[in-house]
Amino acid sequence: MNFDDRPDFAKRLEQARKSRGFSTPKEAAERFGWVYETYIQHEQGIRGISRQSKKYADAFKVSEAWLLTGEGDSSRRVSSQDDILSLLKQIDGLAEQDIEIVLRIIMNSIRANAIEPEQSQPRDQSGSTTLPRAEKPLRQR
């Protein structure tokens, strides 16, 4: 059994990195342009993170308060295409081409829901919403 005696903020920093889809500290540091040696010292608990906490929280999409103290909710709402893509990449067994398809479907749905209901769904003479007919799927060979 391994004993992890790092400070709690360091454990939360690692948890945030992994939940954002970065398997290694180096991968995250390179992606965000951080000095790797500094970042790894934060994740190992060698150095405190109070001055860097906001940038880490923003990058990993977690609450700064949670990262520093463990209080509150760790998660933030998924708010961008990059956030959605990161979540999809965490699904084991989902092929890259399937990720692109699912991402396109989600983004189209978000755009469609942003349109006023009167514009997005036609209504019949009684004022009820009419749904478009589903098209037959194309057969793949």
C-alpha atoms as a PDB file:
ATOM      1  CA  MET A   1       0.000   0.000   0.000  1.00  0.00           C
ATOM      2  CA  ASN A   2       1.330   3.422  -0.964  1.00  0.00           C
ATOM      3  CA  PHE A   3       1.185   6.241   1.535  1.00  0.00           C
ATOM      4  CA  ASP A   4       0.609   9.645  -0.033  1.00  0.00           C
ATOM      5  CA  ASP A   5       1.835  12.299   2.381  1.00  0.00           C
ATOM      6  CA  ARG A   6       1.564  15.209  -0.039  1.00  0.00           C
ATOM      7  CA  PRO A   7      -0.444  18.237   1.072  1.00  0.00           C
ATOM      8  CA  ASP A   8      -4.125  18.026   0.183  1.00  0.00           C
ATOM      9  CA  PHE A   9      -3.896  20.863  -2.374  1.00  0.00           C
ATOM     10  CA  ALA A  10      -1.284  18.829  -4.285  1.00  0.00           C
ATOM     11  CA  LYS A  11      -3.576  15.790  -4.359  1.00  0.00           C
ATOM     12  CA  ARG A  12      -6.457  17.964  -5.581  1.00  0.00           C
ATOM     13  CA  LEU A  13      -4.222  19.509  -8.259  1.00  0.00           C
ATOM     14  CA  GLU A  14      -3.361  16.030  -9.543  1.00  0.00           C
ATOM     15  CA  GLN A  15      -7.028  15.000  -9.411  1.00  0.00           C
ATOM     16  CA  ALA A  16      -8.032  18.115 -11.380  1.00  0.00           C
ATOM     17  CA  ARG A  17      -5.357  17.472 -14.010  1.00  0.00           C
ATOM     18  CA  LYS A  18      -6.417  13.868 -14.490  1.00  0.00           C
ATOM     19  CA  SER A  19     -10.116  14.699 -14.619  1.00  0.00           C
ATOM     20  CA  ARG A  20      -9.354  17.224 -17.378  1.00  0.00           C
ATOM     21  CA  GLY A  21      -7.817  14.384 -19.406  1.00  0.00           C
ATOM     22  CA  PHE A  22      -4.085  14.924 -18.921  1.00  0.00           C
ATOM     23  CA  SER A  23      -2.419  11.652 -17.980  1.00  0.00           C
ATOM     24  CA  THR A  24       0.919  13.223 -17.022  1.00  0.00           C
ATOM     25  CA  PRO A  25       1.981  16.487 -15.402  1.00  0.00           C
ATOM     26  CA  LYS A  26       4.322  17.115 -18.328  1.00  0.00           C
ATOM     27  CA  GLU A  27       1.451  16.854 -20.820  1.00  0.00           C
ATOM     28  CA  ALA A  28      -0.540  19.508 -18.902  1.00  0.00           C
ATOM     29  CA  ALA A  29       2.456  21.806 -18.476  1.00  0.00           C
ATOM     30  CA  GLU A  30       3.254  21.667 -22.183  1.00  0.00           C
ATOM     31  CA  ARG A  31      -0.378  22.216 -23.205  1.00  0.00           C
ATOM     32  CA  PHE A  32      -0.764  25.332 -21.044  1.00  0.00           C
ATOM     33  CA  GLY A  33       2.770  26.698 -21.493  1.00  0.00           C
ATOM     34  CA  TRP A  34       3.796  26.283 -17.867  1.00  0.00           C
ATOM     35  CA  VAL A  35       7.339  25.608 -16.719  1.00  0.00           C
ATOM     36  CA  TYR A  36       7.272  21.869 -16.065  1.00  0.00           C
ATOM     37  CA  GLU A  37       9.694  21.964 -13.124  1.00  0.00           C
ATOM     38  CA  THR A  38       7.516  24.509 -11.333  1.00  0.00           C
ATOM     39  CA  TYR A  39       4.270  22.691 -12.040  1.00  0.00           C
ATOM     40  CA  ILE A  40       5.564  19.300 -10.917  1.00  0.00           C
ATOM     41  CA  GLN A  41       6.791  20.854  -7.656  1.00  0.00           C
ATOM     42  CA  HIS A  42       3.266  22.137  -7.078  1.00  0.00           C
ATOM     43  CA  GLU A  43       1.717  18.751  -7.825  1.00  0.00           C
ATOM     44  CA  GLN A  44       4.269  17.024  -5.586  1.00  0.00           C
ATOM     45  CA  GLY A  45       3.498  19.486  -2.803  1.00  0.00           C
ATOM     46  CA  ILE A  46       7.063  20.790  -2.629  1.00  0.00           C
ATOM     47  CA  ARG A  47       5.888  24.358  -3.316  1.00  0.00           C
ATOM     48  CA  GLY A  48       2.616  26.038  -2.435  1.00  0.00           C
ATOM     49  CA  ILE A  49       0.196  27.040  -5.181  1.00  0.00           C
ATOM     50  CA  SER A  50      -1.493  30.142  -3.793  1.00  0.00           C
ATOM     51  CA  ARG A  51      -0.021  32.446  -6.456  1.00  0.00           C
ATOM     52  CA  GLN A  52      -0.748  29.982  -9.271  1.00  0.00           C
ATOM     53  CA  SER A  53      -4.099  28.661  -8.040  1.00  0.00           C
ATOM     54  CA  LYS A  54      -6.273  30.810 -10.314  1.00  0.00           C
ATOM     55  CA  LYS A  55      -4.482  29.785 -13.511  1.00  0.00           C
ATOM     56  CA  TYR A  56      -4.553  26.117 -12.500  1.00  0.00           C
ATOM     57  CA  ALA A  57      -8.244  26.320 -11.580  1.00  0.00           C
ATOM     58  CA  ASP A  58      -9.074  28.009 -14.889  1.00  0.00           C
ATOM     59  CA  ALA A  59      -7.034  25.523 -16.921  1.00  0.00           C
ATOM     60  CA  PHE A  60      -8.469  22.462 -15.205  1.00  0.00           C
ATOM     61  CA  LYS A  61     -12.011  23.876 -14.990  1.00  0.00           C
ATOM     62  CA  VAL A  62     -12.311  23.572 -11.223  1.00  0.00           C
ATOM     63  CA  SER A  63     -13.181  26.013  -8.483  1.00  0.00           C
ATOM     64  CA  GLU A  64     -10.182  27.898  -7.118  1.00  0.00           C
ATOM     65  CA  ALA A  65     -11.630  27.590  -3.612  1.00  0.00           C
ATOM     66  CA  TRP A  66     -11.885  23.829  -3.990  1.00  0.00           C
ATOM     67  CA  LEU A  67      -8.343  23.580  -5.331  1.00  0.00           C
ATOM     68  CA  LEU A  68      -6.939  25.541  -2.385  1.00  0.00           C
ATOM     69  CA  THR A  69      -9.130  24.332   0.477  1.00  0.00           C
ATOM     70  CA  GLY A  70     -11.181  21.366  -0.709  1.00  0.00           C
ATOM     71  CA  GLU A  71     -14.371  23.237   0.157  1.00  0.00           C
ATOM     72  CA  GLY A  72     -17.259  23.514  -2.241  1.00  0.00           C
ATOM     73  CA  ASP A  73     -17.798  21.750  -5.517  1.00  0.00           C
ATOM     74  CA  SER A  74     -14.753  20.797  -7.546  1.00  0.00           C
ATOM     75  CA  SER A  75     -16.515  20.944 -10.869  1.00  0.00           C
ATOM     76  CA  ARG A  76     -17.486  23.762 -13.151  1.00  0.00           C
ATOM     77  CA  ARG A  77     -20.038  23.673 -15.903  1.00  0.00           C
ATOM     78  CA  VAL A  78     -18.822  22.485 -19.262  1.00  0.00           C
ATOM     79  CA  SER A  79     -18.760  25.706 -21.227  1.00  0.00           C
ATOM     80  CA  SER A  80     -16.863  25.280 -24.450  1.00  0.00           C
ATOM     81  CA  GLN A  81     -16.184  22.940 -27.320  1.00  0.00           C
ATOM     82  CA  ASP A  82     -12.754  22.226 -25.806  1.00  0.00           C
ATOM     83  CA  ASP A  83     -14.404  21.195 -22.521  1.00  0.00           C
ATOM     84  CA  ILE A  84     -16.745  18.805 -24.333  1.00  0.00           C
ATOM     85  CA  LEU A  85     -13.899  17.378 -26.415  1.00  0.00           C
ATOM     86  CA  SER A  86     -11.846  16.796 -23.272  1.00  0.00           C
ATOM     87  CA  LEU A  87     -14.727  14.903 -21.659  1.00  0.00           C
ATOM     88  CA  LEU A  88     -15.317  12.776 -24.745  1.00  0.00           C
ATOM     89  CA  LYS A  89     -11.640  11.800 -24.870  1.00  0.00           C
ATOM     90  CA  GLN A  90     -11.972  10.381 -21.362  1.00  0.00           C
ATOM     91  CA  ILE A  91     -14.464   7.743 -22.529  1.00  0.00           C
ATOM     92  CA  ASP A  92     -12.660   4.422 -22.926  1.00  0.00           C
ATOM     93  CA  GLY A  93     -13.246   2.693 -26.240  1.00  0.00           C
ATOM     94  CA  LEU A  94     -14.590   5.737 -28.081  1.00  0.00           C
ATOM     95  CA  ALA A  95     -12.710   5.998 -31.379  1.00  0.00           C
ATOM     96  CA  GLU A  96     -11.408   9.353 -32.606  1.00  0.00           C
ATOM     97  CA  GLN A  97     -13.860   9.386 -35.530  1.00  0.00           C
ATOM     98  CA  ASP A  98     -16.742   8.686 -33.133  1.00  0.00           C
ATOM     99  CA  ILE A  99     -15.567  11.510 -30.871  1.00  0.00           C
ATOM    100  CA  GLU A 100     -15.773  13.899 -33.833  1.00  0.00           C
ATOM    101  CA  ILE A 101     -19.298  12.714 -34.688  1.00  0.00           C
ATOM    102  CA  VAL A 102     -20.561  13.001 -31.109  1.00  0.00           C
ATOM    103  CA  LEU A 103     -18.932  16.424 -30.723  1.00  0.00           C
ATOM    104  CA  ARG A 104     -20.611  17.643 -33.922  1.00  0.00           C
ATOM    105  CA  ILE A 105     -24.004  16.374 -32.702  1.00  0.00           C
ATOM    106  CA  ILE A 106     -23.611  18.090 -29.331  1.00  0.00           C
ATOM    107  CA  MET A 107     -22.471  21.392 -30.842  1.00  0.00           C
ATOM    108  CA  ASN A 108     -25.355  21.351 -33.348  1.00  0.00           C
ATOM    109  CA  SER A 109     -27.792  20.704 -30.512  1.00  0.00           C
ATOM    110  CA  ILE A 110     -26.360  23.587 -28.480  1.00  0.00           C
ATOM    111  CA  ARG A 111     -26.677  25.920 -31.478  1.00  0.00           C
ATOM    112  CA  ALA A 112     -30.240  24.749 -32.180  1.00  0.00           C
ATOM    113  CA  ASN A 113     -31.283  25.301 -28.570  1.00  0.00           C
ATOM    114  CA  ALA A 114     -29.869  28.826 -28.661  1.00  0.00           C
ATOM    115  CA  ILE A 115     -32.426  29.770 -31.346  1.00  0.00           C
ATOM    116  CA  GLU A 116     -35.807  31.123 -30.234  1.00  0.00           C
ATOM    117  CA  PRO A 117     -38.391  28.306 -29.968  1.00  0.00           C
ATOM    118  CA  GLU A 118     -40.673  29.989 -32.535  1.00  0.00           C
ATOM    119  CA  GLN A 119     -37.875  29.901 -35.077  1.00  0.00           C
ATOM    120  CA  SER A 120     -36.571  26.438 -34.335  1.00  0.00           C
ATOM    121  CA  GLN A 121     -39.817  24.445 -34.387  1.00  0.00           C
ATOM    122  CA  PRO A 122     -42.574  24.968 -36.955  1.00  0.00           C
ATOM    123  CA  ARG A 123     -46.151  25.123 -35.689  1.00  0.00           C
ATOM    124  CA  ASP A 124     -49.311  23.801 -37.306  1.00  0.00           C
ATOM    125  CA  GLN A 125     -52.561  25.785 -37.678  1.00  0.00           C
ATOM    126  CA  SER A 126     -53.646  25.010 -34.109  1.00  0.00           C
ATOM    127  CA  GLY A 127     -50.419  26.484 -32.711  1.00  0.00           C
ATOM    128  CA  SER A 128     -49.012  23.094 -31.680  1.00  0.00           C
ATOM    129  CA  THR A 129     -45.406  22.363 -32.380  1.00  0.00           C
ATOM    130  CA  THR A 130     -44.867  20.096 -35.355  1.00  0.00           C
ATOM    131  CA  LEU A 131     -41.800  17.967 -35.453  1.00  0.00           C
ATOM    132  CA  PRO A 132     -39.993  17.319 -38.712  1.00  0.00           C
ATOM    133  CA  ARG A 133     -40.167  13.785 -40.087  1.00  0.00           C
ATOM    134  CA  ALA A 134     -37.128  11.675 -39.498  1.00  0.00           C
ATOM    135  CA  GLU A 135     -35.239  10.799 -42.624  1.00  0.00           C
ATOM    136  CA  LYS A 136     -34.263   7.208 -43.278  1.00  0.00           C
ATOM    137  CA  PRO A 137     -30.600   6.652 -42.389  1.00  0.00           C
ATOM    138  CA  LEU A 138     -28.248   5.960 -45.223  1.00  0.00           C
ATOM    139  CA  ARG A 139     -27.000   2.412 -45.353  1.00  0.00           C
ATOM    140  CA  GLN A 140     -23.288   1.997 -44.916  1.00  0.00           C
ATOM    141  CA  ARG A 141     -21.495  -0.637 -46.899  1.00  0.00           C
END
